[in-house]
Amino acid sequence: MKPLYLIAILSILTGSLNGKNTISKKNLQDKIKGGWAGQVIGCTYGGPTEFSHPGTMIRDEQPILWDSTRVAWYFANSPGLYDDVYMDLTFMAVMAKEGIDAPASSHAKAFANAPYPLWHANQAARYNILNGIMPPSSGQWKHNPHAEDIDFQIEADFAGLMSPGMPNSAAEICDRVGHIMNNGDGWYGGVYMAAMYSLAFISKEVDYVVEEALKVIPSESLFYKCIQDVIAAYHKNPDDWKSAWFAVERNWASDIGCPDGVFRPFNIDARVNSAYVVIGLLYGKGDFARTMDISTRCGQDSDCNPASAAGILGTMTGYSGIPAVWLRALIPIENIPFSYTDMSLNKVYETGFNQALEMIQRSGGKVDGDKIQLPDQQIKPVKFEVNFPGLTPADRINIGTRLETEIEIPFEGVGFILTGQPAKTDYGKNEGYVFQVQMTVDDRPAERFNMPAGYLTRRLEVAWKYDLSPGRHTIRLKVLNPVAGESIKIDNLITYKKSDR
């Protein structure tokens, strides 16, 4: 393990000259290709294990199989695996059409009206946008209970890959796009990934990239402290990745916001899953296979995490540095468009390269023939944001009933989430009945919202509110347009109490 000061010196020697990072066009293109290729390979490698191991690691004895047909098989049979990629491409396509300064509203509308299914913070944001709540409110925790979920973390690759050596520029893109679906620590997951991608262009030292990129995150945030725990565990024992995993599990595994993870082993929180990316990078020590394998074996979102880790490492090594055993599986599909897009990997390589050149020049760099001079950027932390301040989950109660016309649900606490869905939610279609629901809590003014039965337009939870005074409360729900035979399932009531958080 190298001291950080030595890592910094080595990074400077390998990536910059007289304070100015320089790179050839050929090398830039190779690294951009490596980032995208690594992401697809990592996603495929971890695909079979996705959320099969919540709250536990995948044992060394359990094989994770690989052969040269796997990427092509997923492209043909399970293309939704690559939501990590085609989500990025939505935002790249907006920039290709409107320019790299395209506003958040353009990205939000393209994202919300895209034909692919979404989950967690993404779907909550889509519902918000389709119902008039635009970014940044669409990703804010009072409007989006999934604000701390992993969503933007897996979609921020493009921001780093088009900002080589420019982590502040990557963060600016993340501000526009990432607040569509996330806020606070959920947003920081994407900001941090993008910063690591950005720095991977100018350093081949994994330790340096991991630690330097963390400077973009406010040090008072829980996200920063979680990643610091991983780094500390690595410095203490650089050969035992499981010690870092246990540190994360011990200190950070209790979900606060995501209704699917509260008081359950399932965890799609950005802090935890970003930590697993970092565990893979640090303990993988630059080895492509081991980096993916460790990130996968950490469990939880175990396709997205090796995708990020392999994408960052692929940017460091370049496409030409990814071992042939992995590239062989990728080459047959490089001209095939990803589902829901008209962009293949080869087109992504080209588009990403052109957008990176534009970003470099926009940010003060120079392109002179084959030589590119990247601008210097002293990393600045992004703004400090906190989700669910002063709140912690108190209880999870099975309600197990149906709302047909009216219902009252009493509870005690300072906030709540009611989970559930229309009983006849129609997967993959926009058609279907739309419930119009009125909610009152105690004597507060009534609120109205829609609950579409269509899967693409669905509201993920029935209702929630976090800013109540301590004590007993009553939730009253009324369907304003009842129809015989139609109902909303009410599954669980999650209550919140005050905390020092």
Protein backbone atom coordinates (compact mmCIF):
# COMPACT_ATOMS: atom_id res chain seq x y z
CA MET A 1 0.00 0.00 0.00
CA LYS A 2 1.44 3.34 -1.05
CA PRO A 3 1.23 6.46 1.16
CA LEU A 4 -1.23 9.01 -0.23
CA TYR A 5 1.49 11.62 -0.86
CA LEU A 6 3.36 9.09 -3.03
CA ILE A 7 0.16 8.20 -4.87
CA ALA A 8 -0.37 11.88 -5.63
CA ILE A 9 3.18 12.21 -6.96
CA LEU A 10 2.80 9.13 -9.13
CA SER A 11 -0.51 10.44 -10.40
CA ILE A 12 1.07 13.72 -11.40
CA LEU A 13 3.94 11.97 -13.15
CA THR A 14 1.62 9.69 -15.12
CA GLY A 15 -1.05 12.21 -16.00
CA SER A 16 0.05 15.80 -16.03
CA LEU A 17 2.86 18.18 -16.86
CA ASN A 18 3.57 21.54 -15.23
CA GLY A 19 0.15 21.49 -13.58
CA LYS A 20 -1.63 20.86 -16.86
CA ASN A 21 -2.98 17.38 -17.57
CA THR A 22 -2.25 16.31 -21.11
CA ILE A 23 -3.67 13.42 -23.09
CA SER A 24 -3.74 12.40 -26.74
CA LYS A 25 -6.99 12.05 -28.65
CA LYS A 26 -6.25 8.36 -29.13
CA ASN A 27 -5.74 7.83 -25.42
CA LEU A 28 -8.85 9.85 -24.54
CA GLN A 29 -10.96 7.80 -26.91
CA ASP A 30 -9.49 4.56 -25.55
CA LYS A 31 -10.35 5.56 -21.99
CA ILE A 32 -13.90 6.60 -22.87
CA LYS A 33 -14.39 3.27 -24.62
CA GLY A 34 -12.92 1.50 -21.60
CA GLY A 35 -15.35 3.21 -19.24
CA TRP A 36 -18.44 2.23 -21.22
CA ALA A 37 -17.15 -1.26 -21.98
CA GLY A 38 -16.25 -1.88 -18.34
CA GLN A 39 -19.69 -0.79 -17.22
CA VAL A 40 -21.44 -3.25 -19.55
CA ILE A 41 -19.11 -6.11 -18.63
CA GLY A 42 -19.46 -5.48 -14.90
CA CYS A 43 -23.24 -5.25 -15.14
CA THR A 44 -23.35 -8.55 -17.01
CA TYR A 45 -20.99 -10.28 -14.60
CA GLY A 46 -23.12 -9.39 -11.58
CA GLY A 47 -26.47 -9.73 -13.36
CA PRO A 48 -27.39 -13.22 -12.11
CA THR A 49 -26.84 -12.20 -8.47
CA GLU A 50 -28.79 -8.91 -8.39
CA PHE A 51 -30.47 -8.60 -4.97
CA SER A 52 -30.15 -12.34 -4.41
CA HIS A 53 -28.03 -11.63 -1.31
CA PRO A 54 -29.60 -8.81 0.74
CA GLY A 55 -27.79 -8.21 4.00
CA THR A 56 -25.14 -10.84 3.38
CA MET A 57 -22.12 -11.37 1.16
CA ILE A 58 -21.82 -13.97 -1.59
CA ARG A 59 -19.57 -16.70 -0.25
CA ASP A 60 -16.27 -17.47 -1.96
CA GLU A 61 -17.42 -21.05 -2.52
CA GLN A 62 -20.37 -19.92 -4.63
CA PRO A 63 -19.21 -19.63 -8.26
CA ILE A 64 -20.14 -16.63 -10.41
CA LEU A 65 -20.13 -18.07 -13.90
CA TRP A 66 -18.82 -16.31 -16.97
CA ASP A 67 -18.37 -17.19 -20.63
CA SER A 68 -18.10 -15.33 -23.91
CA THR A 69 -21.83 -15.66 -24.71
CA ARG A 70 -23.20 -13.89 -21.64
CA VAL A 71 -23.48 -10.32 -22.90
CA ALA A 72 -25.16 -11.42 -26.13
CA TRP A 73 -27.57 -13.63 -24.16
CA TYR A 74 -28.68 -10.75 -21.94
CA PHE A 75 -29.03 -8.41 -24.91
CA ALA A 76 -31.37 -10.91 -26.55
CA ASN A 77 -33.24 -12.29 -23.54
CA SER A 78 -33.07 -9.83 -20.65
CA PRO A 79 -32.15 -6.39 -22.02
CA GLY A 80 -33.58 -4.63 -18.97
CA LEU A 81 -30.42 -5.64 -17.12
CA TYR A 82 -28.72 -2.70 -18.83
CA ASP A 83 -30.89 0.01 -17.26
CA ASP A 84 -27.56 1.24 -15.87
CA VAL A 85 -26.57 2.10 -19.43
CA TYR A 86 -29.73 3.11 -21.27
CA MET A 87 -30.58 5.54 -18.48
CA ASP A 88 -27.25 7.31 -19.10
CA LEU A 89 -28.04 7.33 -22.80
CA THR A 90 -31.30 9.20 -22.23
CA PHE A 91 -29.33 12.15 -20.86
CA MET A 92 -26.59 11.89 -23.48
CA ALA A 93 -29.27 11.97 -26.19
CA VAL A 94 -30.78 15.15 -24.72
CA MET A 95 -27.34 16.78 -24.80
CA ALA A 96 -26.75 15.58 -28.35
CA LYS A 97 -30.01 17.28 -29.38
CA GLU A 98 -30.00 20.45 -27.27
CA GLY A 99 -26.33 20.87 -26.39
CA ILE A 100 -24.35 20.00 -23.28
CA ASP A 101 -25.97 22.86 -21.37
CA ALA A 102 -29.46 21.37 -21.80
CA PRO A 103 -31.54 22.33 -18.74
CA ALA A 104 -32.81 19.96 -16.08
CA SER A 105 -36.35 20.32 -17.42
CA SER A 106 -35.36 18.82 -20.78
CA HIS A 107 -33.66 15.87 -19.14
CA ALA A 108 -36.64 15.41 -16.82
CA LYS A 109 -39.20 15.35 -19.60
CA ALA A 110 -37.16 12.91 -21.70
CA PHE A 111 -36.67 10.66 -18.69
CA ALA A 112 -40.30 10.79 -17.53
CA ASN A 113 -41.73 10.03 -20.98
CA ALA A 114 -39.26 7.30 -21.93
CA PRO A 115 -40.82 3.89 -22.70
CA TYR A 116 -38.77 1.86 -20.22
CA PRO A 117 -40.01 0.71 -16.79
CA LEU A 118 -38.49 2.34 -13.71
CA TRP A 119 -38.26 1.61 -10.01
CA HIS A 120 -37.46 3.33 -6.71
CA ALA A 121 -36.27 6.96 -6.90
CA ASN A 122 -36.51 6.94 -10.69
CA GLN A 123 -40.16 5.90 -10.78
CA ALA A 124 -41.06 8.22 -7.91
CA ALA A 125 -39.48 11.06 -9.89
CA ARG A 126 -41.24 10.03 -13.09
CA TYR A 127 -44.59 10.13 -11.26
CA ASN A 128 -43.74 13.54 -9.82
CA ILE A 129 -42.77 15.00 -13.20
CA LEU A 130 -45.86 13.61 -14.94
CA ASN A 131 -47.94 15.19 -12.17
CA GLY A 132 -46.32 18.62 -12.34
CA ILE A 133 -43.54 18.34 -9.74
CA MET A 134 -40.34 19.22 -11.61
CA PRO A 135 -36.68 19.00 -10.52
CA PRO A 136 -35.19 19.57 -8.09
CA SER A 137 -38.43 19.01 -6.14
CA SER A 138 -39.02 15.72 -7.98
CA GLY A 139 -36.01 14.20 -6.21
CA GLN A 140 -36.44 15.93 -2.86
CA TRP A 141 -37.23 13.69 0.12
CA LYS A 142 -40.57 15.26 1.03
CA HIS A 143 -41.80 14.47 -2.49
CA ASN A 144 -39.75 11.32 -3.03
CA PRO A 145 -39.38 8.74 -0.22
CA HIS A 146 -36.65 7.08 -2.30
CA ALA A 147 -34.41 10.16 -2.35
CA GLU A 148 -31.46 8.25 -0.84
CA ASP A 149 -31.73 5.22 -3.14
CA ILE A 150 -29.06 4.16 -5.61
CA ASP A 151 -30.74 5.46 -8.77
CA PHE A 152 -28.53 8.38 -9.79
CA GLN A 153 -25.44 6.49 -8.66
CA ILE A 154 -25.94 4.02 -11.52
CA GLU A 155 -26.78 6.74 -14.04
CA ALA A 156 -23.98 9.25 -13.48
CA ASP A 157 -21.28 7.48 -15.50
CA PHE A 158 -21.85 9.74 -18.52
CA ALA A 159 -21.18 12.88 -16.46
CA GLY A 160 -17.71 11.66 -15.48
CA LEU A 161 -16.89 10.17 -18.86
CA MET A 162 -17.60 13.47 -20.62
CA SER A 163 -15.57 15.43 -18.04
CA PRO A 164 -12.05 13.95 -18.23
CA GLY A 165 -9.90 15.26 -15.39
CA MET A 166 -12.65 17.79 -14.53
CA PRO A 167 -14.53 16.61 -11.43
CA ASN A 168 -16.12 20.01 -10.84
CA SER A 169 -17.55 20.00 -14.36
CA ALA A 170 -18.88 16.50 -13.76
CA ALA A 171 -20.52 17.71 -10.53
CA GLU A 172 -22.23 20.56 -12.37
CA ILE A 173 -23.81 18.09 -14.78
CA CYS A 174 -24.81 15.95 -11.81
CA ASP A 175 -26.53 18.96 -10.22
CA ARG A 176 -28.78 19.36 -13.25
CA VAL A 177 -29.53 15.69 -13.89
CA GLY A 178 -29.16 13.98 -10.51
CA HIS A 179 -31.68 16.13 -8.69
CA ILE A 180 -34.36 14.85 -11.03
CA MET A 181 -34.54 11.66 -8.96
CA ASN A 182 -32.33 12.02 -5.89
CA ASN A 183 -31.25 14.39 -3.15
CA GLY A 184 -28.66 14.44 -0.38
CA ASP A 185 -26.78 11.19 0.08
CA GLY A 186 -28.70 9.65 -2.82
CA TRP A 187 -27.43 12.43 -5.08
CA TYR A 188 -23.93 12.18 -3.63
CA GLY A 189 -23.71 8.59 -4.86
CA GLY A 190 -23.83 9.82 -8.45
CA VAL A 191 -21.61 12.84 -7.82
CA TYR A 192 -18.95 10.59 -6.29
CA MET A 193 -19.08 8.02 -9.11
CA ALA A 194 -18.80 10.78 -11.70
CA ALA A 195 -15.81 12.28 -9.88
CA MET A 196 -14.03 8.91 -9.81
CA TYR A 197 -14.65 8.45 -13.53
CA SER A 198 -13.32 11.94 -14.16
CA LEU A 199 -10.13 11.39 -12.17
CA ALA A 200 -9.61 7.95 -13.74
CA PHE A 201 -8.56 9.78 -16.92
CA ILE A 202 -5.54 11.33 -15.23
CA SER A 203 -4.43 8.70 -12.71
CA LYS A 204 -3.89 4.96 -12.77
CA GLU A 205 -3.64 4.77 -8.97
CA VAL A 206 -6.92 3.41 -7.61
CA ASP A 207 -6.21 4.61 -4.06
CA TYR A 208 -5.68 8.16 -5.27
CA VAL A 209 -8.82 8.23 -7.40
CA VAL A 210 -11.00 6.87 -4.58
CA GLU A 211 -9.68 9.30 -1.96
CA GLU A 212 -9.28 12.38 -4.14
CA ALA A 213 -12.78 12.04 -5.60
CA LEU A 214 -14.27 12.00 -2.10
CA LYS A 215 -13.24 15.67 -1.77
CA VAL A 216 -16.24 16.52 -3.94
CA ILE A 217 -18.59 15.31 -1.18
CA PRO A 218 -19.28 17.50 1.90
CA SER A 219 -17.36 16.05 4.83
CA GLU A 220 -20.28 16.54 7.22
CA SER A 221 -22.50 14.21 5.18
CA LEU A 222 -23.23 10.62 6.20
CA PHE A 223 -22.22 9.54 2.70
CA TYR A 224 -18.72 10.93 3.21
CA LYS A 225 -18.42 9.25 6.60
CA CYS A 226 -19.53 5.89 5.20
CA ILE A 227 -16.91 5.95 2.43
CA GLN A 228 -14.31 7.12 4.96
CA ASP A 229 -15.10 4.00 6.99
CA VAL A 230 -14.26 1.87 3.96
CA ILE A 231 -11.01 3.74 3.32
CA ALA A 232 -10.02 3.42 6.99
CA ALA A 233 -10.75 -0.31 6.95
CA TYR A 234 -8.64 -0.68 3.82
CA HIS A 235 -5.68 1.17 5.32
CA LYS A 236 -5.96 -0.95 8.46
CA ASN A 237 -6.18 -4.27 6.60
CA PRO A 238 -5.59 -3.94 2.84
CA ASP A 239 -5.87 -7.69 2.17
CA ASP A 240 -9.21 -8.49 3.80
CA TRP A 241 -12.13 -6.94 1.95
CA LYS A 242 -14.60 -8.64 4.28
CA SER A 243 -13.41 -6.51 7.18
CA ALA A 244 -14.50 -3.43 5.22
CA TRP A 245 -17.81 -5.11 4.36
CA PHE A 246 -18.50 -5.78 8.04
CA ALA A 247 -17.67 -2.16 8.90
CA VAL A 248 -20.29 -0.98 6.41
CA GLU A 249 -22.84 -3.51 7.60
CA ARG A 250 -22.26 -2.59 11.25
CA ASN A 251 -22.51 1.18 10.84
CA TRP A 252 -24.57 1.93 7.73
CA ALA A 253 -26.93 -0.93 6.82
CA SER A 254 -30.11 0.41 8.49
CA ASP A 255 -32.26 2.03 5.83
CA ILE A 256 -34.17 5.15 6.83
CA GLY A 257 -36.11 6.23 3.76
CA CYS A 258 -36.73 3.52 1.17
CA PRO A 259 -40.05 1.88 2.12
CA ASP A 260 -38.85 -1.44 0.68
CA GLY A 261 -35.78 -1.51 2.92
CA VAL A 262 -36.93 -0.10 6.27
CA PHE A 263 -36.61 -2.86 8.92
CA ARG A 264 -35.66 -5.33 6.19
CA PRO A 265 -32.30 -6.72 4.97
CA PHE A 266 -32.93 -5.32 1.48
CA ASN A 267 -30.85 -2.17 0.98
CA ILE A 268 -30.75 -0.05 -2.15
CA ASP A 269 -29.35 2.96 -0.30
CA ALA A 270 -26.66 4.89 -2.18
CA ARG A 271 -24.31 5.01 0.80
CA VAL A 272 -24.11 1.24 1.21
CA ASN A 273 -23.94 0.41 -2.47
CA SER A 274 -21.35 3.11 -3.18
CA ALA A 275 -19.32 1.61 -0.36
CA TYR A 276 -19.43 -1.74 -2.16
CA VAL A 277 -18.12 -0.10 -5.33
CA VAL A 278 -15.23 1.35 -3.34
CA ILE A 279 -14.52 -1.97 -1.62
CA GLY A 280 -14.20 -3.57 -5.05
CA LEU A 281 -11.92 -0.84 -6.34
CA LEU A 282 -9.59 -0.69 -3.34
CA TYR A 283 -9.28 -4.38 -2.62
CA GLY A 284 -9.25 -5.27 -6.31
CA LYS A 285 -5.96 -3.36 -6.52
CA GLY A 286 -6.29 -2.67 -10.24
CA ASP A 287 -7.10 -6.25 -11.25
CA PHE A 288 -10.18 -6.16 -13.50
CA ALA A 289 -11.59 -9.58 -12.56
CA ARG A 290 -11.00 -9.24 -8.83
CA THR A 291 -12.48 -5.73 -8.76
CA MET A 292 -15.73 -6.94 -10.30
CA ASP A 293 -15.82 -10.09 -8.21
CA ILE A 294 -15.45 -8.29 -4.88
CA SER A 295 -18.04 -5.63 -5.73
CA THR A 296 -20.42 -8.40 -6.75
CA ARG A 297 -19.79 -10.52 -3.66
CA CYS A 298 -20.65 -7.59 -1.40
CA GLY A 299 -24.28 -8.36 -2.32
CA GLN A 300 -27.35 -6.09 -2.51
CA ASP A 301 -27.42 -4.31 -5.92
CA SER A 302 -24.73 -6.64 -7.19
CA ASP A 303 -25.01 -5.90 -10.89
CA CYS A 304 -24.94 -2.11 -10.62
CA ASN A 305 -22.00 -2.05 -8.19
CA PRO A 306 -19.56 -4.11 -10.31
CA ALA A 307 -20.76 -2.09 -13.32
CA SER A 308 -19.58 1.13 -11.66
CA ALA A 309 -16.36 -0.40 -10.36
CA ALA A 310 -15.47 -1.97 -13.71
CA GLY A 311 -16.42 1.21 -15.57
CA ILE A 312 -14.11 3.33 -13.43
CA LEU A 313 -11.28 0.80 -13.70
CA GLY A 314 -11.91 0.46 -17.45
CA THR A 315 -11.47 4.22 -17.76
CA MET A 316 -8.12 3.95 -15.99
CA THR A 317 -6.84 1.10 -18.14
CA GLY A 318 -8.54 2.10 -21.35
CA TYR A 319 -10.39 -0.29 -23.64
CA SER A 320 -7.04 -1.64 -24.78
CA GLY A 321 -6.18 -2.56 -21.20
CA ILE A 322 -9.28 -4.65 -20.46
CA PRO A 323 -8.27 -8.33 -20.60
CA ALA A 324 -9.37 -10.15 -23.74
CA VAL A 325 -11.35 -12.74 -21.79
CA TRP A 326 -13.84 -9.99 -20.95
CA LEU A 327 -13.79 -8.09 -24.24
CA ARG A 328 -14.57 -11.25 -26.23
CA ALA A 329 -18.07 -11.28 -24.75
CA LEU A 330 -18.61 -7.61 -25.59
CA ILE A 331 -17.47 -7.39 -29.20
CA PRO A 332 -20.48 -9.23 -30.76
CA ILE A 333 -22.98 -6.66 -29.46
CA GLU A 334 -21.08 -3.40 -29.94
CA ASN A 335 -23.17 -2.50 -33.00
CA ILE A 336 -26.51 -3.53 -31.46
CA PRO A 337 -28.58 -0.66 -29.97
CA PHE A 338 -29.49 -0.91 -26.31
CA SER A 339 -33.17 -1.47 -25.63
CA TYR A 340 -35.33 1.66 -25.74
CA THR A 341 -32.58 3.56 -27.60
CA ASP A 342 -31.07 3.90 -31.06
CA MET A 343 -27.55 3.94 -29.59
CA SER A 344 -25.15 1.01 -29.74
CA LEU A 345 -21.90 0.87 -27.79
CA ASN A 346 -19.95 1.94 -30.87
CA LYS A 347 -22.24 4.96 -31.23
CA VAL A 348 -21.87 5.68 -27.51
CA TYR A 349 -18.08 5.60 -27.84
CA GLU A 350 -18.27 8.19 -30.63
CA THR A 351 -20.89 10.42 -28.99
CA GLY A 352 -19.08 10.32 -25.66
CA PHE A 353 -15.78 11.27 -27.28
CA ASN A 354 -17.30 14.27 -29.07
CA GLN A 355 -19.09 15.46 -25.94
CA ALA A 356 -15.87 15.13 -23.92
CA LEU A 357 -13.97 17.26 -26.45
CA GLU A 358 -16.65 19.93 -26.23
CA MET A 359 -16.61 19.86 -22.42
CA ILE A 360 -12.82 20.18 -22.36
CA GLN A 361 -12.87 23.29 -24.54
CA ARG A 362 -15.88 24.77 -22.74
CA SER A 363 -14.03 24.39 -19.42
CA GLY A 364 -10.83 26.11 -20.53
CA GLY A 365 -8.85 23.22 -21.99
CA LYS A 366 -7.28 23.13 -25.46
CA VAL A 367 -7.35 20.72 -28.36
CA ASP A 368 -4.33 21.08 -30.62
CA GLY A 369 -4.21 18.39 -33.27
CA ASP A 370 -3.80 15.09 -31.46
CA LYS A 371 -2.75 16.76 -28.21
CA ILE A 372 -5.33 17.70 -25.60
CA GLN A 373 -4.59 19.89 -22.62
CA LEU A 374 -7.11 19.35 -19.85
CA PRO A 375 -8.00 22.27 -17.60
CA ASP A 376 -6.84 22.26 -13.98
CA GLN A 377 -9.67 21.98 -11.49
CA GLN A 378 -9.13 22.22 -7.76
CA ILE A 379 -11.87 19.99 -6.40
CA LYS A 380 -14.67 21.84 -4.61
CA PRO A 381 -17.25 20.06 -2.46
CA VAL A 382 -20.82 20.29 -3.70
CA LYS A 383 -23.57 21.75 -1.53
CA PHE A 384 -24.58 20.04 1.68
CA GLU A 385 -28.01 18.40 1.64
CA VAL A 386 -29.75 16.25 4.27
CA ASN A 387 -32.70 13.93 3.80
CA PHE A 388 -35.13 12.96 6.59
CA PRO A 389 -33.51 15.29 9.17
CA GLY A 390 -34.43 14.43 12.73
CA LEU A 391 -36.31 11.29 11.68
CA THR A 392 -35.77 7.59 12.25
CA PRO A 393 -38.11 4.66 11.56
CA ALA A 394 -40.12 3.55 14.60
CA ASP A 395 -42.26 0.63 13.42
CA ARG A 396 -43.45 -1.36 10.42
CA ILE A 397 -47.03 -2.57 10.75
CA ASN A 398 -48.84 -4.90 8.37
CA ILE A 399 -52.17 -3.31 7.45
CA GLY A 400 -53.22 -5.86 4.84
CA THR A 401 -56.45 -4.29 3.63
CA ARG A 402 -57.96 -2.69 0.54
CA LEU A 403 -59.16 0.84 -0.06
CA GLU A 404 -62.36 0.80 -2.13
CA THR A 405 -64.10 3.95 -0.93
CA GLU A 406 -62.87 5.22 2.47
CA ILE A 407 -60.55 4.11 5.25
CA GLU A 408 -59.12 5.48 8.50
CA ILE A 409 -55.70 4.42 9.86
CA PRO A 410 -54.54 5.65 13.29
CA PHE A 411 -50.86 5.73 14.27
CA GLU A 412 -48.40 7.34 16.65
CA GLY A 413 -45.28 9.23 15.56
CA VAL A 414 -44.06 12.26 13.65
CA GLY A 415 -44.37 10.82 10.14
CA PHE A 416 -45.53 7.85 8.11
CA ILE A 417 -45.45 6.01 4.80
CA LEU A 418 -48.30 3.81 3.60
CA THR A 419 -47.13 1.22 1.07
CA GLY A 420 -49.40 -0.33 -1.54
CA GLN A 421 -50.56 -0.28 -5.15
CA PRO A 422 -53.74 -0.46 -7.19
CA ALA A 423 -54.89 -4.06 -7.06
CA LYS A 424 -54.81 -4.42 -10.85
CA THR A 425 -51.55 -2.67 -11.70
CA ASP A 426 -50.87 -3.43 -15.36
CA TYR A 427 -47.19 -4.18 -15.99
CA GLY A 428 -45.55 -2.29 -18.83
CA LYS A 429 -48.59 -0.31 -20.00
CA ASN A 430 -49.79 3.25 -19.59
CA GLU A 431 -53.45 2.27 -19.94
CA GLY A 432 -55.66 1.55 -16.98
CA TYR A 433 -57.84 3.04 -14.34
CA VAL A 434 -56.60 6.13 -12.47
CA PHE A 435 -57.73 6.45 -8.87
CA GLN A 436 -58.33 9.95 -7.59
CA VAL A 437 -57.59 9.93 -3.88
CA GLN A 438 -58.12 12.49 -1.14
CA MET A 439 -56.02 12.31 2.03
CA THR A 440 -56.43 14.18 5.28
CA VAL A 441 -54.24 13.81 8.35
CA ASP A 442 -56.05 14.92 11.50
CA ASP A 443 -57.51 18.37 10.81
CA ARG A 444 -54.95 19.41 8.18
CA PRO A 445 -56.16 20.60 4.77
CA ALA A 446 -57.05 17.77 2.41
CA GLU A 447 -54.57 16.72 -0.27
CA ARG A 448 -55.50 15.11 -3.57
CA PHE A 449 -53.39 12.83 -5.76
CA ASN A 450 -53.76 10.30 -8.57
CA MET A 451 -52.88 6.61 -8.39
CA PRO A 452 -52.65 5.21 -11.94
CA ALA A 453 -53.02 1.48 -12.42
CA GLY A 454 -50.62 1.67 -15.37
CA TYR A 455 -47.20 0.33 -14.42
CA LEU A 456 -45.15 2.99 -16.21
CA THR A 457 -47.06 5.86 -14.60
CA ARG A 458 -47.68 4.34 -11.17
CA ARG A 459 -47.25 6.08 -7.83
CA LEU A 460 -44.88 3.88 -5.82
CA GLU A 461 -46.45 4.41 -2.39
CA VAL A 462 -49.99 5.26 -1.41
CA ALA A 463 -49.20 8.20 0.87
CA TRP A 464 -46.57 9.71 3.16
CA LYS A 465 -45.95 12.71 5.39
CA TYR A 466 -42.97 13.48 7.59
CA ASP A 467 -43.58 16.82 9.34
CA LEU A 468 -46.13 15.97 12.02
CA SER A 469 -45.98 16.84 15.70
CA PRO A 470 -45.25 13.94 18.09
CA GLY A 471 -48.32 12.03 19.22
CA ARG A 472 -51.40 10.20 17.91
CA HIS A 473 -52.67 10.91 14.40
CA THR A 474 -55.33 9.62 12.04
CA ILE A 475 -54.92 9.16 8.29
CA ARG A 476 -58.15 9.32 6.28
CA LEU A 477 -58.16 8.19 2.66
CA LYS A 478 -61.11 8.55 0.31
CA VAL A 479 -61.44 7.43 -3.32
CA LEU A 480 -63.17 10.24 -5.16
CA ASN A 481 -64.04 8.16 -8.24
CA PRO A 482 -64.85 4.69 -6.92
CA VAL A 483 -65.78 1.92 -9.34
CA ALA A 484 -67.08 -1.48 -8.31
CA GLY A 485 -64.34 -4.07 -8.44
CA GLU A 486 -61.46 -1.56 -8.32
CA SER A 487 -59.38 -1.08 -5.18
CA ILE A 488 -56.00 -0.03 -3.80
CA LYS A 489 -54.03 -2.52 -1.72
CA ILE A 490 -52.78 -1.07 1.56
CA ASP A 491 -49.83 -3.19 2.62
CA ASN A 492 -47.67 -1.68 5.37
CA LEU A 493 -47.64 1.36 7.62
CA ILE A 494 -44.12 2.61 8.39
CA THR A 495 -44.01 5.13 11.21
CA TYR A 496 -41.26 7.59 12.16
CA LYS A 497 -40.10 9.11 15.43
CA LYS A 498 -37.69 11.91 16.33
CA SER A 499 -33.96 11.24 16.32
CA ASP A 500 -30.70 13.17 16.59
CA ARG A 501 -29.91 12.50 12.92
